[in-house]
Amino acid sequence: MGRLGPGELILLLAIALVIFGPSKLPELGKSLGRTVNEFKKFSNDLKVDVSLDENKPTKTDKKEDKNSSKEKLDFTGSNQADEHIEL
């Protein structure tokens, strides 16, 4: 199943002309064009929303950031291992 060639397109247009008539065919083309345009706009908006959501930190990322900052605060240069050594 490949793409439609020029012969197939002419055949489809002729069948549509016979079925719908010359007065309805422009209206159908216009509504089909609007539908395709709305679909493209929706898919582009969805791509933008998904890319924005990927850049937001999640709750687990925020928790990990808090834990890593606590770990940084715990390692302030004091050596706790030396305090527990008894001589």
PDB file of N, CA and C in Angstrom:
ATOM      1  N   MET A   1       0.834  -1.178   0.000  1.00  0.00           N
ATOM      2  CA  MET A   1       0.000   0.000   0.000  1.00  0.00           C
ATOM      3  C   MET A   1       0.879   1.242   0.000  1.00  0.00           C
ATOM      4  N   GLY A   2       0.991   1.843  -1.133  1.00  0.00           N
ATOM      5  CA  GLY A   2       1.778   3.056  -1.251  1.00  0.00           C
ATOM      6  C   GLY A   2       0.891   4.287  -1.259  1.00  0.00           C
ATOM      7  N   ARG A   3       1.486   5.359  -1.658  1.00  0.00           N
ATOM      8  CA  ARG A   3       0.740   6.619  -1.757  1.00  0.00           C
ATOM      9  C   ARG A   3      -0.143   6.607  -3.002  1.00  0.00           C
ATOM     10  N   LEU A   4      -1.125   7.504  -2.996  1.00  0.00           N
ATOM     11  CA  LEU A   4      -2.012   7.612  -4.148  1.00  0.00           C
ATOM     12  C   LEU A   4      -1.312   8.358  -5.274  1.00  0.00           C
ATOM     13  N   GLY A   5      -1.400   7.807  -6.445  1.00  0.00           N
ATOM     14  CA  GLY A   5      -0.820   8.456  -7.615  1.00  0.00           C
ATOM     15  C   GLY A   5      -1.827   9.410  -8.248  1.00  0.00           C
ATOM     16  N   PRO A   6      -1.420  10.086  -9.317  1.00  0.00           N
ATOM     17  CA  PRO A   6      -2.323  11.041  -9.970  1.00  0.00           C
ATOM     18  C   PRO A   6      -3.566  10.367 -10.568  1.00  0.00           C
ATOM     19  N   GLY A   7      -3.411   9.170 -11.080  1.00  0.00           N
ATOM     20  CA  GLY A   7      -4.554   8.457 -11.651  1.00  0.00           C
ATOM     21  C   GLY A   7      -5.603   8.122 -10.605  1.00  0.00           C
ATOM     22  N   GLU A   8      -5.148   7.671  -9.447  1.00  0.00           N
ATOM     23  CA  GLU A   8      -6.084   7.338  -8.372  1.00  0.00           C
ATOM     24  C   GLU A   8      -6.793   8.577  -7.846  1.00  0.00           C
ATOM     25  N   LEU A   9      -6.063   9.698  -7.753  1.00  0.00           N
ATOM     26  CA  LEU A   9      -6.679  10.938  -7.277  1.00  0.00           C
ATOM     27  C   LEU A   9      -7.763  11.425  -8.237  1.00  0.00           C
ATOM     28  N   ILE A  10      -7.506  11.343  -9.532  1.00  0.00           N
ATOM     29  CA  ILE A  10      -8.503  11.755 -10.528  1.00  0.00           C
ATOM     30  C   ILE A  10      -9.732  10.862 -10.434  1.00  0.00           C
ATOM     31  N   LEU A  11      -9.522   9.575 -10.258  1.00  0.00           N
ATOM     32  CA  LEU A  11     -10.637   8.644 -10.122  1.00  0.00           C
ATOM     33  C   LEU A  11     -11.463   8.953  -8.872  1.00  0.00           C
ATOM     34  N   LEU A  12     -10.795   9.230  -7.750  1.00  0.00           N
ATOM     35  CA  LEU A  12     -11.513   9.567  -6.519  1.00  0.00           C
ATOM     36  C   LEU A  12     -12.293  10.868  -6.664  1.00  0.00           C
ATOM     37  N   LEU A  13     -11.705  11.870  -7.316  1.00  0.00           N
ATOM     38  CA  LEU A  13     -12.417  13.130  -7.546  1.00  0.00           C
ATOM     39  C   LEU A  13     -13.637  12.925  -8.444  1.00  0.00           C
ATOM     40  N   ALA A  14     -13.519  12.094  -9.457  1.00  0.00           N
ATOM     41  CA  ALA A  14     -14.650  11.822 -10.349  1.00  0.00           C
ATOM     42  C   ALA A  14     -15.772  11.118  -9.593  1.00  0.00           C
ATOM     43  N   ILE A  15     -15.421  10.156  -8.742  1.00  0.00           N
ATOM     44  CA  ILE A  15     -16.437   9.449  -7.953  1.00  0.00           C
ATOM     45  C   ILE A  15     -17.109  10.408  -6.973  1.00  0.00           C
ATOM     46  N   ALA A  16     -16.318  11.268  -6.315  1.00  0.00           N
ATOM     47  CA  ALA A  16     -16.882  12.239  -5.383  1.00  0.00           C
ATOM     48  C   ALA A  16     -17.791  13.221  -6.115  1.00  0.00           C
ATOM     49  N   LEU A  17     -17.428  13.619  -7.329  1.00  0.00           N
ATOM     50  CA  LEU A  17     -18.246  14.535  -8.118  1.00  0.00           C
ATOM     51  C   LEU A  17     -19.582  13.895  -8.474  1.00  0.00           C
ATOM     52  N   VAL A  18     -19.562  12.620  -8.816  1.00  0.00           N
ATOM     53  CA  VAL A  18     -20.801  11.918  -9.154  1.00  0.00           C
ATOM     54  C   VAL A  18     -21.674  11.749  -7.910  1.00  0.00           C
ATOM     55  N   ILE A  19     -21.070  11.398  -6.780  1.00  0.00           N
ATOM     56  CA  ILE A  19     -21.845  11.132  -5.564  1.00  0.00           C
ATOM     57  C   ILE A  19     -22.409  12.426  -4.970  1.00  0.00           C
ATOM     58  N   PHE A  20     -21.579  13.443  -4.807  1.00  0.00           N
ATOM     59  CA  PHE A  20     -21.996  14.648  -4.091  1.00  0.00           C
ATOM     60  C   PHE A  20     -22.491  15.761  -5.011  1.00  0.00           C
ATOM     61  N   GLY A  21     -22.125  15.754  -6.252  1.00  0.00           N
ATOM     62  CA  GLY A  21     -22.552  16.802  -7.174  1.00  0.00           C
ATOM     63  C   GLY A  21     -21.619  17.992  -7.123  1.00  0.00           C
ATOM     64  N   PRO A  22     -21.689  18.827  -8.163  1.00  0.00           N
ATOM     65  CA  PRO A  22     -20.767  19.958  -8.248  1.00  0.00           C
ATOM     66  C   PRO A  22     -21.034  21.050  -7.207  1.00  0.00           C
ATOM     67  N   SER A  23     -22.235  21.145  -6.664  1.00  0.00           N
ATOM     68  CA  SER A  23     -22.521  22.206  -5.693  1.00  0.00           C
ATOM     69  C   SER A  23     -22.013  21.862  -4.291  1.00  0.00           C
ATOM     70  N   LYS A  24     -22.011  20.607  -3.928  1.00  0.00           N
ATOM     71  CA  LYS A  24     -21.583  20.195  -2.581  1.00  0.00           C
ATOM     72  C   LYS A  24     -20.082  19.945  -2.479  1.00  0.00           C
ATOM     73  N   LEU A  25     -19.423  19.702  -3.581  1.00  0.00           N
ATOM     74  CA  LEU A  25     -18.004  19.351  -3.551  1.00  0.00           C
ATOM     75  C   LEU A  25     -17.123  20.464  -2.974  1.00  0.00           C
ATOM     76  N   PRO A  26     -17.306  21.751  -3.325  1.00  0.00           N
ATOM     77  CA  PRO A  26     -16.484  22.798  -2.691  1.00  0.00           C
ATOM     78  C   PRO A  26     -16.724  22.910  -1.183  1.00  0.00           C
ATOM     79  N   GLU A  27     -17.967  22.732  -0.750  1.00  0.00           N
ATOM     80  CA  GLU A  27     -18.270  22.783   0.682  1.00  0.00           C
ATOM     81  C   GLU A  27     -17.569  21.649   1.430  1.00  0.00           C
ATOM     82  N   LEU A  28     -17.572  20.474   0.836  1.00  0.00           N
ATOM     83  CA  LEU A  28     -16.896  19.334   1.460  1.00  0.00           C
ATOM     84  C   LEU A  28     -15.392  19.554   1.526  1.00  0.00           C
ATOM     85  N   GLY A  29     -14.825  20.115   0.468  1.00  0.00           N
ATOM     86  CA  GLY A  29     -13.386  20.404   0.467  1.00  0.00           C
ATOM     87  C   GLY A  29     -13.015  21.422   1.527  1.00  0.00           C
ATOM     88  N   LYS A  30     -13.858  22.453   1.677  1.00  0.00           N
ATOM     89  CA  LYS A  30     -13.601  23.490   2.680  1.00  0.00           C
ATOM     90  C   LYS A  30     -13.683  22.904   4.090  1.00  0.00           C
ATOM     91  N   SER A  31     -14.697  22.088   4.344  1.00  0.00           N
ATOM     92  CA  SER A  31     -14.829  21.501   5.687  1.00  0.00           C
ATOM     93  C   SER A  31     -13.706  20.508   5.968  1.00  0.00           C
ATOM     94  N   LEU A  32     -13.281  19.779   4.947  1.00  0.00           N
ATOM     95  CA  LEU A  32     -12.158  18.860   5.124  1.00  0.00           C
ATOM     96  C   LEU A  32     -10.876  19.630   5.421  1.00  0.00           C
ATOM     97  N   GLY A  33     -10.655  20.740   4.732  1.00  0.00           N
ATOM     98  CA  GLY A  33      -9.477  21.577   4.986  1.00  0.00           C
ATOM     99  C   GLY A  33      -9.476  22.148   6.392  1.00  0.00           C
ATOM    100  N   ARG A  34     -10.641  22.604   6.857  1.00  0.00           N
ATOM    101  CA  ARG A  34     -10.742  23.131   8.225  1.00  0.00           C
ATOM    102  C   ARG A  34     -10.449  22.043   9.254  1.00  0.00           C
ATOM    103  N   THR A  35     -10.975  20.854   8.998  1.00  0.00           N
ATOM    104  CA  THR A  35     -10.753  19.742   9.925  1.00  0.00           C
ATOM    105  C   THR A  35      -9.275  19.387  10.014  1.00  0.00           C
ATOM    106  N   VAL A  36      -8.614  19.318   8.874  1.00  0.00           N
ATOM    107  CA  VAL A  36      -7.182  19.003   8.860  1.00  0.00           C
ATOM    108  C   VAL A  36      -6.393  20.102   9.562  1.00  0.00           C
ATOM    109  N   ASN A  37      -6.773  21.369   9.342  1.00  0.00           N
ATOM    110  CA  ASN A  37      -6.093  22.497   9.975  1.00  0.00           C
ATOM    111  C   ASN A  37      -6.258  22.447  11.500  1.00  0.00           C
ATOM    112  N   GLU A  38      -7.462  22.163  11.982  1.00  0.00           N
ATOM    113  CA  GLU A  38      -7.694  22.058  13.423  1.00  0.00           C
ATOM    114  C   GLU A  38      -6.910  20.893  14.024  1.00  0.00           C
ATOM    115  N   PHE A  39      -6.842  19.796  13.304  1.00  0.00           N
ATOM    116  CA  PHE A  39      -6.089  18.640  13.790  1.00  0.00           C
ATOM    117  C   PHE A  39      -4.606  18.973  13.913  1.00  0.00           C
ATOM    118  N   LYS A  40      -4.053  19.661  12.924  1.00  0.00           N
ATOM    119  CA  LYS A  40      -2.642  20.056  12.978  1.00  0.00           C
ATOM    120  C   LYS A  40      -2.389  21.012  14.135  1.00  0.00           C
ATOM    121  N   LYS A  41      -3.296  21.969  14.339  1.00  0.00           N
ATOM    122  CA  LYS A  41      -3.147  22.932  15.431  1.00  0.00           C
ATOM    123  C   LYS A  41      -3.192  22.211  16.781  1.00  0.00           C
ATOM    124  N   PHE A  42      -4.132  21.269  16.926  1.00  0.00           N
ATOM    125  CA  PHE A  42      -4.241  20.509  18.167  1.00  0.00           C
ATOM    126  C   PHE A  42      -2.987  19.684  18.423  1.00  0.00           C
ATOM    127  N   SER A  43      -2.458  19.041  17.384  1.00  0.00           N
ATOM    128  CA  SER A  43      -1.264  18.214  17.577  1.00  0.00           C
ATOM    129  C   SER A  43      -0.048  19.073  17.913  1.00  0.00           C
ATOM    130  N   ASN A  44       0.068  20.255  17.323  1.00  0.00           N
ATOM    131  CA  ASN A  44       1.174  21.156  17.663  1.00  0.00           C
ATOM    132  C   ASN A  44       1.055  21.659  19.097  1.00  0.00           C
ATOM    133  N   ASP A  45      -0.172  22.012  19.532  1.00  0.00           N
ATOM    134  CA  ASP A  45      -0.382  22.444  20.913  1.00  0.00           C
ATOM    135  C   ASP A  45      -0.051  21.321  21.885  1.00  0.00           C
ATOM    136  N   LEU A  46      -0.404  20.105  21.517  1.00  0.00           N
ATOM    137  CA  LEU A  46      -0.113  18.956  22.372  1.00  0.00           C
ATOM    138  C   LEU A  46       1.390  18.737  22.490  1.00  0.00           C
ATOM    139  N   LYS A  47       2.120  18.905  21.398  1.00  0.00           N
ATOM    140  CA  LYS A  47       3.578  18.767  21.435  1.00  0.00           C
ATOM    141  C   LYS A  47       4.197  19.812  22.352  1.00  0.00           C
ATOM    142  N   VAL A  48       3.690  21.046  22.285  1.00  0.00           N
ATOM    143  CA  VAL A  48       4.210  22.117  23.137  1.00  0.00           C
ATOM    144  C   VAL A  48       3.921  21.810  24.602  1.00  0.00           C
ATOM    145  N   ASP A  49       2.696  21.344  24.904  1.00  0.00           N
ATOM    146  CA  ASP A  49       2.342  21.014  26.282  1.00  0.00           C
ATOM    147  C   ASP A  49       3.209  19.892  26.828  1.00  0.00           C
ATOM    148  N   VAL A  50       3.449  18.885  26.021  1.00  0.00           N
ATOM    149  CA  VAL A  50       4.272  17.755  26.462  1.00  0.00           C
ATOM    150  C   VAL A  50       5.703  18.206  26.702  1.00  0.00           C
ATOM    151  N   SER A  51       6.230  19.048  25.835  1.00  0.00           N
ATOM    152  CA  SER A  51       7.608  19.506  26.023  1.00  0.00           C
ATOM    153  C   SER A  51       7.718  20.400  27.248  1.00  0.00           C
ATOM    154  N   LEU A  52       6.689  21.191  27.557  1.00  0.00           N
ATOM    155  CA  LEU A  52       6.710  22.015  28.764  1.00  0.00           C
ATOM    156  C   LEU A  52       6.623  21.149  30.013  1.00  0.00           C
ATOM    157  N   ASP A  53       5.807  20.081  29.959  1.00  0.00           N
ATOM    158  CA  ASP A  53       5.675  19.187  31.106  1.00  0.00           C
ATOM    159  C   ASP A  53       6.965  18.429  31.376  1.00  0.00           C
ATOM    160  N   GLU A  54       7.717  18.113  30.336  1.00  0.00           N
ATOM    161  CA  GLU A  54       8.973  17.394  30.527  1.00  0.00           C
ATOM    162  C   GLU A  54      10.007  18.259  31.231  1.00  0.00           C
ATOM    163  N   ASN A  55       9.923  19.564  31.067  1.00  0.00           N
ATOM    164  CA  ASN A  55      10.900  20.465  31.669  1.00  0.00           C
ATOM    165  C   ASN A  55      10.576  20.801  33.118  1.00  0.00           C
ATOM    166  N   LYS A  56       9.332  20.553  33.568  1.00  0.00           N
ATOM    167  CA  LYS A  56       8.962  20.851  34.950  1.00  0.00           C
ATOM    168  C   LYS A  56       9.522  19.773  35.872  1.00  0.00           C
ATOM    169  N   PRO A  57      10.049  20.161  37.035  1.00  0.00           N
ATOM    170  CA  PRO A  57      10.503  19.140  37.986  1.00  0.00           C
ATOM    171  C   PRO A  57       9.301  18.460  38.632  1.00  0.00           C
ATOM    172  N   THR A  58       9.394  17.175  38.833  1.00  0.00           N
ATOM    173  CA  THR A  58       8.310  16.438  39.461  1.00  0.00           C
ATOM    174  C   THR A  58       8.476  16.468  40.966  1.00  0.00           C
ATOM    175  N   LYS A  59       7.496  15.924  41.683  1.00  0.00           N
ATOM    176  CA  LYS A  59       7.562  15.904  43.141  1.00  0.00           C
ATOM    177  C   LYS A  59       8.750  15.082  43.619  1.00  0.00           C
ATOM    178  N   THR A  60       9.040  13.984  42.957  1.00  0.00           N
ATOM    179  CA  THR A  60      10.175  13.159  43.374  1.00  0.00           C
ATOM    180  C   THR A  60      11.486  13.885  43.122  1.00  0.00           C
ATOM    181  N   ASP A  61      11.541  14.667  42.037  1.00  0.00           N
ATOM    182  CA  ASP A  61      12.752  15.455  41.781  1.00  0.00           C
ATOM    183  C   ASP A  61      12.958  16.485  42.877  1.00  0.00           C
ATOM    184  N   LYS A  62      11.865  17.108  43.336  1.00  0.00           N
ATOM    185  CA  LYS A  62      11.972  18.103  44.396  1.00  0.00           C
ATOM    186  C   LYS A  62      12.443  17.457  45.692  1.00  0.00           C
ATOM    187  N   LYS A  63      11.924  16.239  45.992  1.00  0.00           N
ATOM    188  CA  LYS A  63      12.343  15.534  47.206  1.00  0.00           C
ATOM    189  C   LYS A  63      13.820  15.174  47.132  1.00  0.00           C
ATOM    190  N   GLU A  64      14.263  14.732  45.960  1.00  0.00           N
ATOM    191  CA  GLU A  64      15.671  14.380  45.796  1.00  0.00           C
ATOM    192  C   GLU A  64      16.553  15.610  45.959  1.00  0.00           C
ATOM    193  N   ASP A  65      16.084  16.760  45.455  1.00  0.00           N
ATOM    194  CA  ASP A  65      16.852  17.990  45.612  1.00  0.00           C
ATOM    195  C   ASP A  65      16.965  18.371  47.081  1.00  0.00           C
ATOM    196  N   LYS A  66      15.875  18.201  47.848  1.00  0.00           N
ATOM    197  CA  LYS A  66      15.919  18.520  49.272  1.00  0.00           C
ATOM    198  C   LYS A  66      16.871  17.582  49.999  1.00  0.00           C
ATOM    199  N   ASN A  67      16.826  16.292  49.666  1.00  0.00           N
ATOM    200  CA  ASN A  67      17.715  15.324  50.304  1.00  0.00           C
ATOM    201  C   ASN A  67      19.172  15.616  49.972  1.00  0.00           C
ATOM    202  N   SER A  68      19.440  15.979  48.749  1.00  0.00           N
ATOM    203  CA  SER A  68      20.825  16.262  48.374  1.00  0.00           C
ATOM    204  C   SER A  68      21.315  17.529  49.067  1.00  0.00           C
ATOM    205  N   SER A  69      20.427  18.503  49.293  1.00  0.00           N
ATOM    206  CA  SER A  69      20.859  19.709  49.997  1.00  0.00           C
ATOM    207  C   SER A  69      21.111  19.395  51.470  1.00  0.00           C
ATOM    208  N   LYS A  70      20.338  18.459  52.058  1.00  0.00           N
ATOM    209  CA  LYS A  70      20.587  18.053  53.442  1.00  0.00           C
ATOM    210  C   LYS A  70      21.928  17.340  53.550  1.00  0.00           C
ATOM    211  N   GLU A  71      22.219  16.505  52.558  1.00  0.00           N
ATOM    212  CA  GLU A  71      23.498  15.807  52.571  1.00  0.00           C
ATOM    213  C   GLU A  71      24.646  16.799  52.465  1.00  0.00           C
ATOM    214  N   LYS A  72      24.476  17.820  51.677  1.00  0.00           N
ATOM    215  CA  LYS A  72      25.519  18.832  51.556  1.00  0.00           C
ATOM    216  C   LYS A  72      25.714  19.557  52.880  1.00  0.00           C
ATOM    217  N   LEU A  73      24.612  19.782  53.608  1.00  0.00           N
ATOM    218  CA  LEU A  73      24.715  20.463  54.892  1.00  0.00           C
ATOM    219  C   LEU A  73      25.369  19.567  55.936  1.00  0.00           C
ATOM    220  N   ASP A  74      25.174  18.250  55.829  1.00  0.00           N
ATOM    221  CA  ASP A  74      25.759  17.326  56.795  1.00  0.00           C
ATOM    222  C   ASP A  74      27.275  17.245  56.641  1.00  0.00           C
ATOM    223  N   PHE A  75      27.779  17.469  55.467  1.00  0.00           N
ATOM    224  CA  PHE A  75      29.210  17.381  55.210  1.00  0.00           C
ATOM    225  C   PHE A  75      29.816  18.784  55.206  1.00  0.00           C
ATOM    226  N   THR A  76      29.822  19.417  56.375  1.00  0.00           N
ATOM    227  CA  THR A  76      30.315  20.796  56.462  1.00  0.00           C
ATOM    228  C   THR A  76      31.790  20.863  56.788  1.00  0.00           C
ATOM    229  N   GLY A  77      32.448  19.753  56.833  1.00  0.00           N
ATOM    230  CA  GLY A  77      33.879  19.768  57.106  1.00  0.00           C
ATOM    231  C   GLY A  77      34.217  19.143  58.445  1.00  0.00           C
ATOM    232  N   SER A  78      33.225  18.957  59.308  1.00  0.00           N
ATOM    233  CA  SER A  78      33.521  18.310  60.587  1.00  0.00           C
ATOM    234  C   SER A  78      33.597  16.816  60.369  1.00  0.00           C
ATOM    235  N   ASN A  79      34.567  16.209  60.925  1.00  0.00           N
ATOM    236  CA  ASN A  79      34.756  14.784  60.746  1.00  0.00           C
ATOM    237  C   ASN A  79      34.130  14.073  61.938  1.00  0.00           C
ATOM    238  N   GLN A  80      32.946  13.504  61.746  1.00  0.00           N
ATOM    239  CA  GLN A  80      32.224  12.854  62.828  1.00  0.00           C
ATOM    240  C   GLN A  80      32.873  11.531  63.216  1.00  0.00           C
ATOM    241  N   ALA A  81      33.628  10.937  62.334  1.00  0.00           N
ATOM    242  CA  ALA A  81      34.281   9.667  62.645  1.00  0.00           C
ATOM    243  C   ALA A  81      35.345   9.863  63.722  1.00  0.00           C
ATOM    244  N   ASP A  82      36.005  11.013  63.759  1.00  0.00           N
ATOM    245  CA  ASP A  82      37.023  11.290  64.771  1.00  0.00           C
ATOM    246  C   ASP A  82      36.417  11.423  66.160  1.00  0.00           C
ATOM    247  N   GLU A  83      35.177  11.860  66.263  1.00  0.00           N
ATOM    248  CA  GLU A  83      34.546  12.063  67.559  1.00  0.00           C
ATOM    249  C   GLU A  83      34.265  10.740  68.261  1.00  0.00           C
ATOM    250  N   HIS A  84      34.083   9.670  67.517  1.00  0.00           N
ATOM    251  CA  HIS A  84      33.722   8.388  68.104  1.00  0.00           C
ATOM    252  C   HIS A  84      34.933   7.507  68.421  1.00  0.00           C
ATOM    253  N   ILE A  85      36.103   7.960  68.137  1.00  0.00           N
ATOM    254  CA  ILE A  85      37.299   7.165  68.410  1.00  0.00           C
ATOM    255  C   ILE A  85      37.714   7.394  69.859  1.00  0.00           C
ATOM    256  N   GLU A  86      37.843   6.298  70.600  1.00  0.00           N
ATOM    257  CA  GLU A  86      38.281   6.392  71.997  1.00  0.00           C
ATOM    258  C   GLU A  86      39.725   5.939  72.078  1.00  0.00           C
ATOM    259  N   LEU A  87      40.500   6.670  72.800  1.00  0.00           N
ATOM    260  CA  LEU A  87      41.911   6.331  72.961  1.00  0.00           C
ATOM    261  C   LEU A  87      42.184   5.725  74.293  1.00  0.00           C
TER     262      LEU A  87
END
